[in-house]
Protein backbone atom coordinates (compact mmCIF):
# COMPACT_ATOMS: atom_id res chain seq x y z
CA LEU A 1 32.44 9.54 9.45
CA ASP A 2 36.06 9.37 10.46
CA LYS A 3 35.52 6.87 13.13
CA ALA A 4 33.18 4.73 10.96
CA ARG A 5 35.07 4.93 7.55
CA SER A 6 37.00 1.82 7.76
CA ALA A 7 34.02 -0.36 9.13
CA ILE A 8 31.85 1.13 6.27
CA ALA A 9 34.43 0.28 3.60
CA LYS A 10 35.02 -3.10 4.98
CA GLY A 11 31.41 -4.15 5.41
CA ASP A 12 30.25 -2.16 2.24
CA HIS A 13 27.27 -0.87 4.19
CA ALA A 14 26.57 2.31 6.27
CA VAL A 15 23.84 2.86 8.87
CA VAL A 16 22.64 6.60 8.95
CA ALA A 17 20.88 7.75 12.17
CA GLU A 18 19.93 11.23 13.19
CA GLY A 19 22.09 12.58 16.00
CA ASN A 20 25.02 12.16 18.56
CA THR A 21 23.38 9.95 20.98
CA ASP A 22 22.30 7.36 18.44
CA VAL A 23 25.90 7.08 17.02
CA LEU A 24 27.54 7.01 20.47
CA ALA A 25 25.11 4.32 21.75
CA LEU A 26 25.23 2.11 18.79
CA HIS A 27 29.05 2.32 18.59
CA GLN A 28 29.24 1.30 22.20
CA ALA A 29 27.22 -1.67 21.34
CA GLY A 30 29.47 -2.69 18.46
CA PHE A 31 27.84 -1.18 15.36
CA GLY A 32 30.75 0.45 13.97
CA THR A 33 29.22 1.34 10.52
CA VAL A 34 26.72 4.10 12.17
CA VAL A 35 27.06 7.75 11.20
CA ALA A 36 24.60 10.44 11.73
CA CYS A 37 23.25 13.22 9.45
CA MET A 38 22.96 15.67 12.35
CA GLY A 39 19.68 17.18 11.06
CA THR A 40 16.18 16.43 9.77
CA ALA A 41 17.33 14.94 6.46
CA LEU A 42 20.18 13.29 4.67
CA THR A 43 21.83 15.75 2.29
CA GLU A 44 23.32 15.41 -1.21
CA ALA A 45 26.68 16.36 0.20
CA GLN A 46 26.61 13.64 2.83
CA LEU A 47 25.63 11.13 0.15
CA ARG A 48 28.81 12.08 -1.87
CA GLU A 49 30.82 11.35 1.18
CA LEU A 50 29.20 7.97 1.63
CA GLN A 51 29.51 7.16 -2.09
CA GLN A 52 33.08 6.87 -1.84
CA LEU A 53 32.98 4.04 0.63
CA THR A 54 29.69 2.26 -0.14
CA LYS A 55 26.53 2.20 -2.22
CA ARG A 56 24.38 0.48 0.46
CA ILE A 57 22.83 2.27 3.31
CA SER A 58 20.13 1.61 5.99
CA LEU A 59 18.33 4.58 7.25
CA ALA A 60 17.53 4.42 11.01
CA PHE A 61 15.76 7.67 11.86
CA ASP A 62 13.46 8.10 14.80
CA GLY A 63 10.09 6.36 14.69
CA ASP A 64 7.93 9.73 15.23
CA ALA A 65 6.31 11.81 12.36
CA ALA A 66 9.40 13.96 11.98
CA GLY A 67 11.64 10.93 11.62
CA GLU A 68 9.26 9.39 8.99
CA SER A 69 9.36 12.51 7.00
CA ALA A 70 13.19 12.60 7.21
CA THR A 71 13.32 8.82 6.02
CA LEU A 72 11.05 9.67 3.13
CA ARG A 73 13.30 12.63 1.99
CA GLY A 74 16.50 10.96 2.67
CA MET A 75 15.66 7.74 1.02
CA GLU A 76 14.37 9.52 -2.08
CA LEU A 77 17.72 11.48 -2.45
CA ALA A 78 19.70 8.25 -1.83
CA VAL A 79 17.75 6.31 -4.43
CA LYS A 80 18.22 9.10 -6.92
CA ALA A 81 22.05 8.83 -6.15
CA GLY A 82 22.07 5.27 -7.13
CA PHE A 83 22.29 3.82 -3.51
CA ASP A 84 20.60 0.32 -2.47
CA VAL A 85 18.38 1.84 0.21
CA LYS A 86 16.77 -0.12 3.16
CA VAL A 87 14.84 1.26 6.05
CA VAL A 88 15.28 0.32 9.67
CA ALA A 89 11.42 0.79 10.80
CA LEU A 90 11.62 1.88 14.32
CA PRO A 91 8.22 1.95 16.43
CA PRO A 92 6.76 5.45 16.85
CA GLY A 93 8.45 7.35 19.80
CA VAL A 94 11.58 5.22 19.62
CA ASP A 95 15.12 5.99 18.48
CA PRO A 96 18.11 3.79 17.98
CA ALA A 97 19.67 4.86 21.19
CA ASP A 98 16.70 3.59 23.30
CA ASP A 99 17.83 -0.03 22.65
CA PRO A 100 21.04 -0.51 21.09
CA VAL A 101 21.32 -4.07 21.97
CA GLY A 102 18.08 -4.87 20.20
CA PHE A 103 19.07 -2.91 17.15
CA ALA A 104 20.63 -5.92 15.63
CA ARG A 105 17.30 -7.51 15.20
CA LEU A 106 15.91 -4.30 13.70
CA LEU A 107 18.73 -4.11 11.39
CA GLU A 108 18.25 -7.70 10.06
CA GLN A 109 14.48 -6.87 9.40
CA ALA A 110 15.17 -3.53 7.42
CA LYS A 111 12.93 -3.08 4.72
CA PRO A 112 13.81 -2.43 1.03
CA TYR A 113 12.99 1.04 -0.23
CA VAL A 114 10.24 -0.05 -2.56
CA LEU A 115 8.50 -2.08 0.04
CA TYR A 116 8.84 0.65 2.87
CA ARG A 117 7.51 3.33 0.59
CA THR A 118 4.54 1.31 -0.59
CA GLN A 119 3.60 0.48 2.97
CA ILE A 120 3.98 4.32 3.88
CA GLU A 121 1.87 5.33 1.13
CA ALA A 122 -0.97 2.80 1.69
CA GLN A 123 -1.04 3.42 5.48
CA ARG A 124 -1.10 7.20 5.41
CA ALA A 125 -3.69 7.69 2.82
CA GLU A 126 -6.88 9.35 3.68
CA ASP A 127 -9.05 6.44 2.31
CA ARG A 128 -8.49 3.01 0.75
CA GLU A 129 -9.12 4.26 -2.80
CA THR A 130 -6.70 7.08 -2.61
CA GLY A 131 -4.09 4.65 -1.09
CA ARG A 132 -4.46 2.04 -3.76
CA LYS A 133 -4.09 4.65 -6.49
CA THR A 134 -1.16 6.23 -4.91
CA VAL A 135 0.53 2.87 -4.57
CA LYS A 136 -0.24 1.89 -8.07
CA GLU A 137 1.36 5.13 -9.36
CA PHE A 138 4.51 4.56 -7.35
CA LEU A 139 4.86 0.90 -8.24
CA ASP A 140 4.24 1.89 -11.87
CA SER A 141 7.17 4.36 -11.67
CA VAL A 142 9.95 1.84 -10.52
CA PRO A 143 11.58 -0.80 -12.55
CA GLU A 144 10.49 -4.41 -12.36
CA SER A 145 12.49 -6.24 -9.54
CA LEU A 146 12.13 -8.87 -6.81
CA HIS A 147 11.49 -5.77 -4.38
CA ARG A 148 8.87 -4.42 -6.59
CA GLN A 149 7.18 -7.79 -6.71
CA ALA A 150 7.36 -8.15 -3.02
CA ALA A 151 5.62 -4.71 -2.53
CA TRP A 152 3.05 -5.59 -4.99
CA ARG A 153 2.22 -8.76 -3.14
CA TRP A 154 2.13 -6.70 0.19
CA ALA A 155 -0.22 -4.15 -1.41
CA ASN A 156 -2.48 -6.85 -2.85
CA ASP A 157 -2.87 -8.21 0.70
CA PHE A 158 -3.39 -4.87 2.33
CA PHE A 159 -5.99 -3.86 -0.03
CA GLY A 160 -7.50 -7.21 -0.52
CA ILE A 161 -7.57 -6.89 -4.40
CA SER A 162 -4.78 -7.36 -6.93
CA ILE A 163 -3.26 -4.29 -8.39
CA PRO A 164 -2.52 -4.46 -12.08
CA LEU A 165 0.87 -2.86 -12.77
CA ARG A 166 2.23 -1.17 -15.79
CA GLY A 167 5.38 -2.29 -17.59
CA ALA A 168 5.55 -5.61 -15.59
CA GLY A 169 4.97 -7.82 -18.63
CA THR A 170 3.61 -11.11 -17.27
CA ALA A 171 6.06 -11.12 -14.36
CA SER A 172 3.51 -9.81 -11.68
CA ALA A 173 0.44 -11.55 -13.28
CA ALA A 174 2.17 -14.98 -13.72
CA ALA A 175 3.77 -14.92 -10.21
CA ALA A 176 2.04 -16.89 -7.57
CA PRO A 177 -1.04 -14.75 -6.68
CA SER A 178 -1.39 -13.36 -3.26
CA ALA A 179 -2.99 -15.91 -0.94
CA ARG A 180 -5.39 -13.29 0.34
CA VAL A 181 -6.43 -12.38 -3.12
CA VAL A 182 -6.80 -15.82 -4.57
CA GLN A 183 -8.34 -17.55 -1.41
CA ALA A 184 -10.06 -14.39 0.00
CA GLY A 185 -13.37 -16.44 -0.15
CA ASP A 186 -16.29 -14.37 0.80
CA ARG A 187 -14.50 -10.95 0.47
CA LEU A 188 -13.24 -11.72 -3.02
CA GLU A 189 -16.60 -12.84 -4.12
CA ARG A 190 -18.46 -9.76 -2.68
CA ASN A 191 -15.89 -7.32 -4.19
CA ALA A 192 -16.46 -8.93 -7.64
CA LEU A 193 -20.24 -8.67 -7.38
CA ALA A 194 -19.92 -5.16 -6.22
CA GLY A 195 -17.70 -4.39 -9.12
CA VAL A 196 -20.39 -5.73 -11.57
CA ILE A 197 -23.14 -3.67 -9.67
CA ALA A 198 -21.04 -0.69 -10.15
CA HIS A 199 -20.18 -1.44 -13.76
CA PRO A 200 -23.28 -3.22 -15.36
CA GLU A 201 -21.54 -3.70 -18.71
CA LEU A 202 -19.59 -6.52 -17.11
CA LYS A 203 -22.65 -8.74 -16.40
CA ALA A 204 -21.94 -10.53 -19.58
CA ILE A 205 -18.66 -11.65 -18.07
CA LEU A 206 -20.50 -12.65 -14.91
CA ALA A 207 -22.86 -14.54 -16.90
CA GLU A 208 -20.32 -16.84 -18.42
CA MET A 209 -18.92 -17.79 -15.05
CA PRO A 210 -20.46 -20.99 -13.47
CA VAL A 211 -22.33 -20.36 -10.35
CA ALA A 212 -20.01 -22.77 -8.49
CA HIS A 213 -17.48 -19.86 -8.60
CA PHE A 214 -19.48 -18.32 -5.63
CA HIS A 215 -19.07 -20.45 -2.54
CA ALA A 216 -21.17 -18.51 -0.21
CA PRO A 217 -24.92 -19.02 -0.42
CA ALA A 218 -25.61 -15.39 -0.14
CA THR A 219 -23.08 -14.30 -2.85
CA ARG A 220 -24.41 -17.13 -5.03
CA ALA A 221 -27.96 -15.97 -4.75
CA VAL A 222 -26.86 -12.28 -5.84
CA ARG A 223 -24.89 -13.64 -8.70
CA ASN A 224 -28.07 -15.48 -9.83
CA HIS A 225 -30.09 -12.27 -9.22
CA LEU A 226 -27.66 -10.21 -11.38
CA VAL A 227 -27.56 -12.68 -14.27
CA ASP A 228 -31.26 -13.95 -14.61
CA GLY A 229 -33.18 -11.94 -12.13
CA ALA A 230 -33.65 -14.80 -9.49
CA ALA A 231 -35.59 -13.84 -6.36
CA LEU A 232 -33.58 -12.98 -3.33
CA ASP A 233 -34.07 -14.09 0.29
CA GLU A 234 -33.73 -11.76 3.22
CA GLU A 235 -29.98 -12.26 3.74
CA ALA A 236 -29.23 -11.82 0.10
CA THR A 237 -31.38 -8.80 -0.25
CA ALA A 238 -29.43 -7.16 2.66
CA LEU A 239 -26.20 -8.30 0.77
CA LEU A 240 -27.27 -6.62 -2.34
CA ALA A 241 -27.87 -3.38 -0.57
CA GLU A 242 -24.42 -3.67 1.04
CA LEU A 243 -22.76 -4.30 -2.28
CA ASP A 244 -24.42 -1.36 -4.01
CA ALA A 245 -22.13 1.01 -1.92
CA ARG A 246 -19.14 -1.29 -1.72
CA ALA A 247 -17.58 -0.41 -5.07
CA VAL A 248 -17.21 3.14 -3.81
CA ALA A 249 -16.06 2.33 -0.40
CA GLU A 250 -13.38 -0.21 -1.70
CA GLY A 251 -12.36 2.01 -4.87
CA ILE A 252 -13.30 -0.69 -7.30
CA ASP A 253 -13.16 0.89 -10.85
CA LYS A 254 -13.95 -1.17 -14.03
CA LEU A 255 -10.44 -2.49 -14.65
CA THR A 256 -10.37 -3.66 -10.94
CA ALA A 257 -13.81 -5.27 -11.29
CA GLU A 258 -12.53 -7.18 -14.37
CA GLU A 259 -9.52 -8.19 -12.43
CA LEU A 260 -11.67 -9.57 -9.62
CA LEU A 261 -13.73 -11.60 -11.91
CA LEU A 262 -10.55 -13.21 -13.38
CA ARG A 263 -9.32 -13.88 -10.11
CA LEU A 264 -12.46 -15.77 -9.15
CA SER A 265 -12.00 -17.97 -12.25
CA GLU A 266 -8.35 -18.38 -11.42
CA ARG A 267 -9.12 -19.44 -7.80
CA GLU A 268 -11.50 -22.15 -9.17
CA VAL A 269 -9.00 -23.49 -11.81
CA LEU A 270 -6.22 -23.67 -9.11
CA ALA A 271 -8.42 -25.53 -6.64
CA LEU A 272 -9.17 -28.13 -9.49
CA LEU A 273 -5.54 -28.51 -10.38
CA LYS A 274 -4.82 -29.47 -6.78
CA GLN A 275 -7.55 -32.22 -6.75
CA THR A 276 -6.69 -35.85 -7.56
CA GLY A 277 -8.47 -37.91 -10.11
CA LEU A 278 -8.60 -35.19 -12.75
CA ASP A 279 -5.82 -36.43 -14.99
CA ASP A 280 -8.15 -36.32 -18.00
CA ARG A 281 -8.76 -32.89 -17.45
CA MET A 282 -5.31 -31.62 -16.54
CA LYS A 283 -4.34 -30.19 -19.93
CA GLU A 284 -7.71 -28.47 -20.32
CA LEU A 285 -7.26 -26.95 -16.84
CA GLN A 286 -3.65 -25.83 -17.56
CA GLU A 287 -4.88 -24.13 -20.78
CA ASP A 288 -7.72 -22.44 -18.89
CA LEU A 289 -5.21 -21.18 -16.33
CA ALA A 290 -2.79 -19.89 -18.86
CA ARG A 291 -5.62 -18.15 -20.61
CA ILE A 292 -6.64 -16.54 -17.48
CA GLN A 293 -3.09 -15.28 -16.65
CA ARG A 294 -2.71 -13.79 -20.04
CA ALA A 295 -5.86 -11.87 -19.42
CA LEU A 296 -4.53 -10.71 -16.21
CA ALA A 297 -1.24 -9.61 -17.78
CA ALA A 298 -3.09 -7.82 -20.41
CA LEU A 299 -5.01 -5.82 -17.58
CA GLY A 300 -1.68 -4.94 -16.12
CA ASP A 301 -0.21 -3.75 -19.34
CA PRO A 302 -2.97 -2.46 -21.79
CA GLY A 303 -0.47 -2.41 -24.67
CA GLN A 304 0.08 -6.17 -24.49
CA GLU A 305 -1.91 -8.57 -26.55
């Protein structure tokens, strides 16, 4: 710290690595703000020292299991102490001293705490349902911010469905939906149908949706079968059997199923709004979109009307 003190104060930023070799290699490569915690985790005493110089730190621990655990412990302590925390995501088995010259690129790509924690929780979960619930609990626990919205969009893409968040008001719901969620095509249609199969009380909502909302012939056939008992061909029969188990595999609870049905409607309205020659319907479509987004916001915050 005595060698890095002036650089940290001047740049209002500190990089925290694990050990001696990381500090030596990175200082030799021109990174004067690097210090090392000299152990498996950053401590409260070390954070108090850094707090006198900056409130912005980037953690650059080794890219192995021990380094990941140290990163998680360190960033939790740092966030609790009021630091703005980012994480330099090193590949497994790599430490900063392995490529000090390339460290600049990694430092530029450092991930905000909320995004990094979301990715770790999603990727290390035993299954998708557990991961989605853990991510939702974490994002529900952090204040609304641009970083939270970025983590929310990443999670939507990773799980293939939109996660309703508590306490976000309309911010998350009104934001531009994830491309993978809104334009997921066959996957979105299949997940929505799987949700209806798992939660039959939602058939009334499905019945109100035009058949045109389902683009794939097989999903359209299953929709008609669920709504009015229409016969199924061989392909649609196989799909129905697959969807029967899909809700469990994808962790689609009732709330998520309602969200998926709303996302299908939103996708169609957004597609129509992009078409030309619909000026006479523009106001009607905009009202439909606003209604759908209000419903999405209500799912994310049950106390909201």
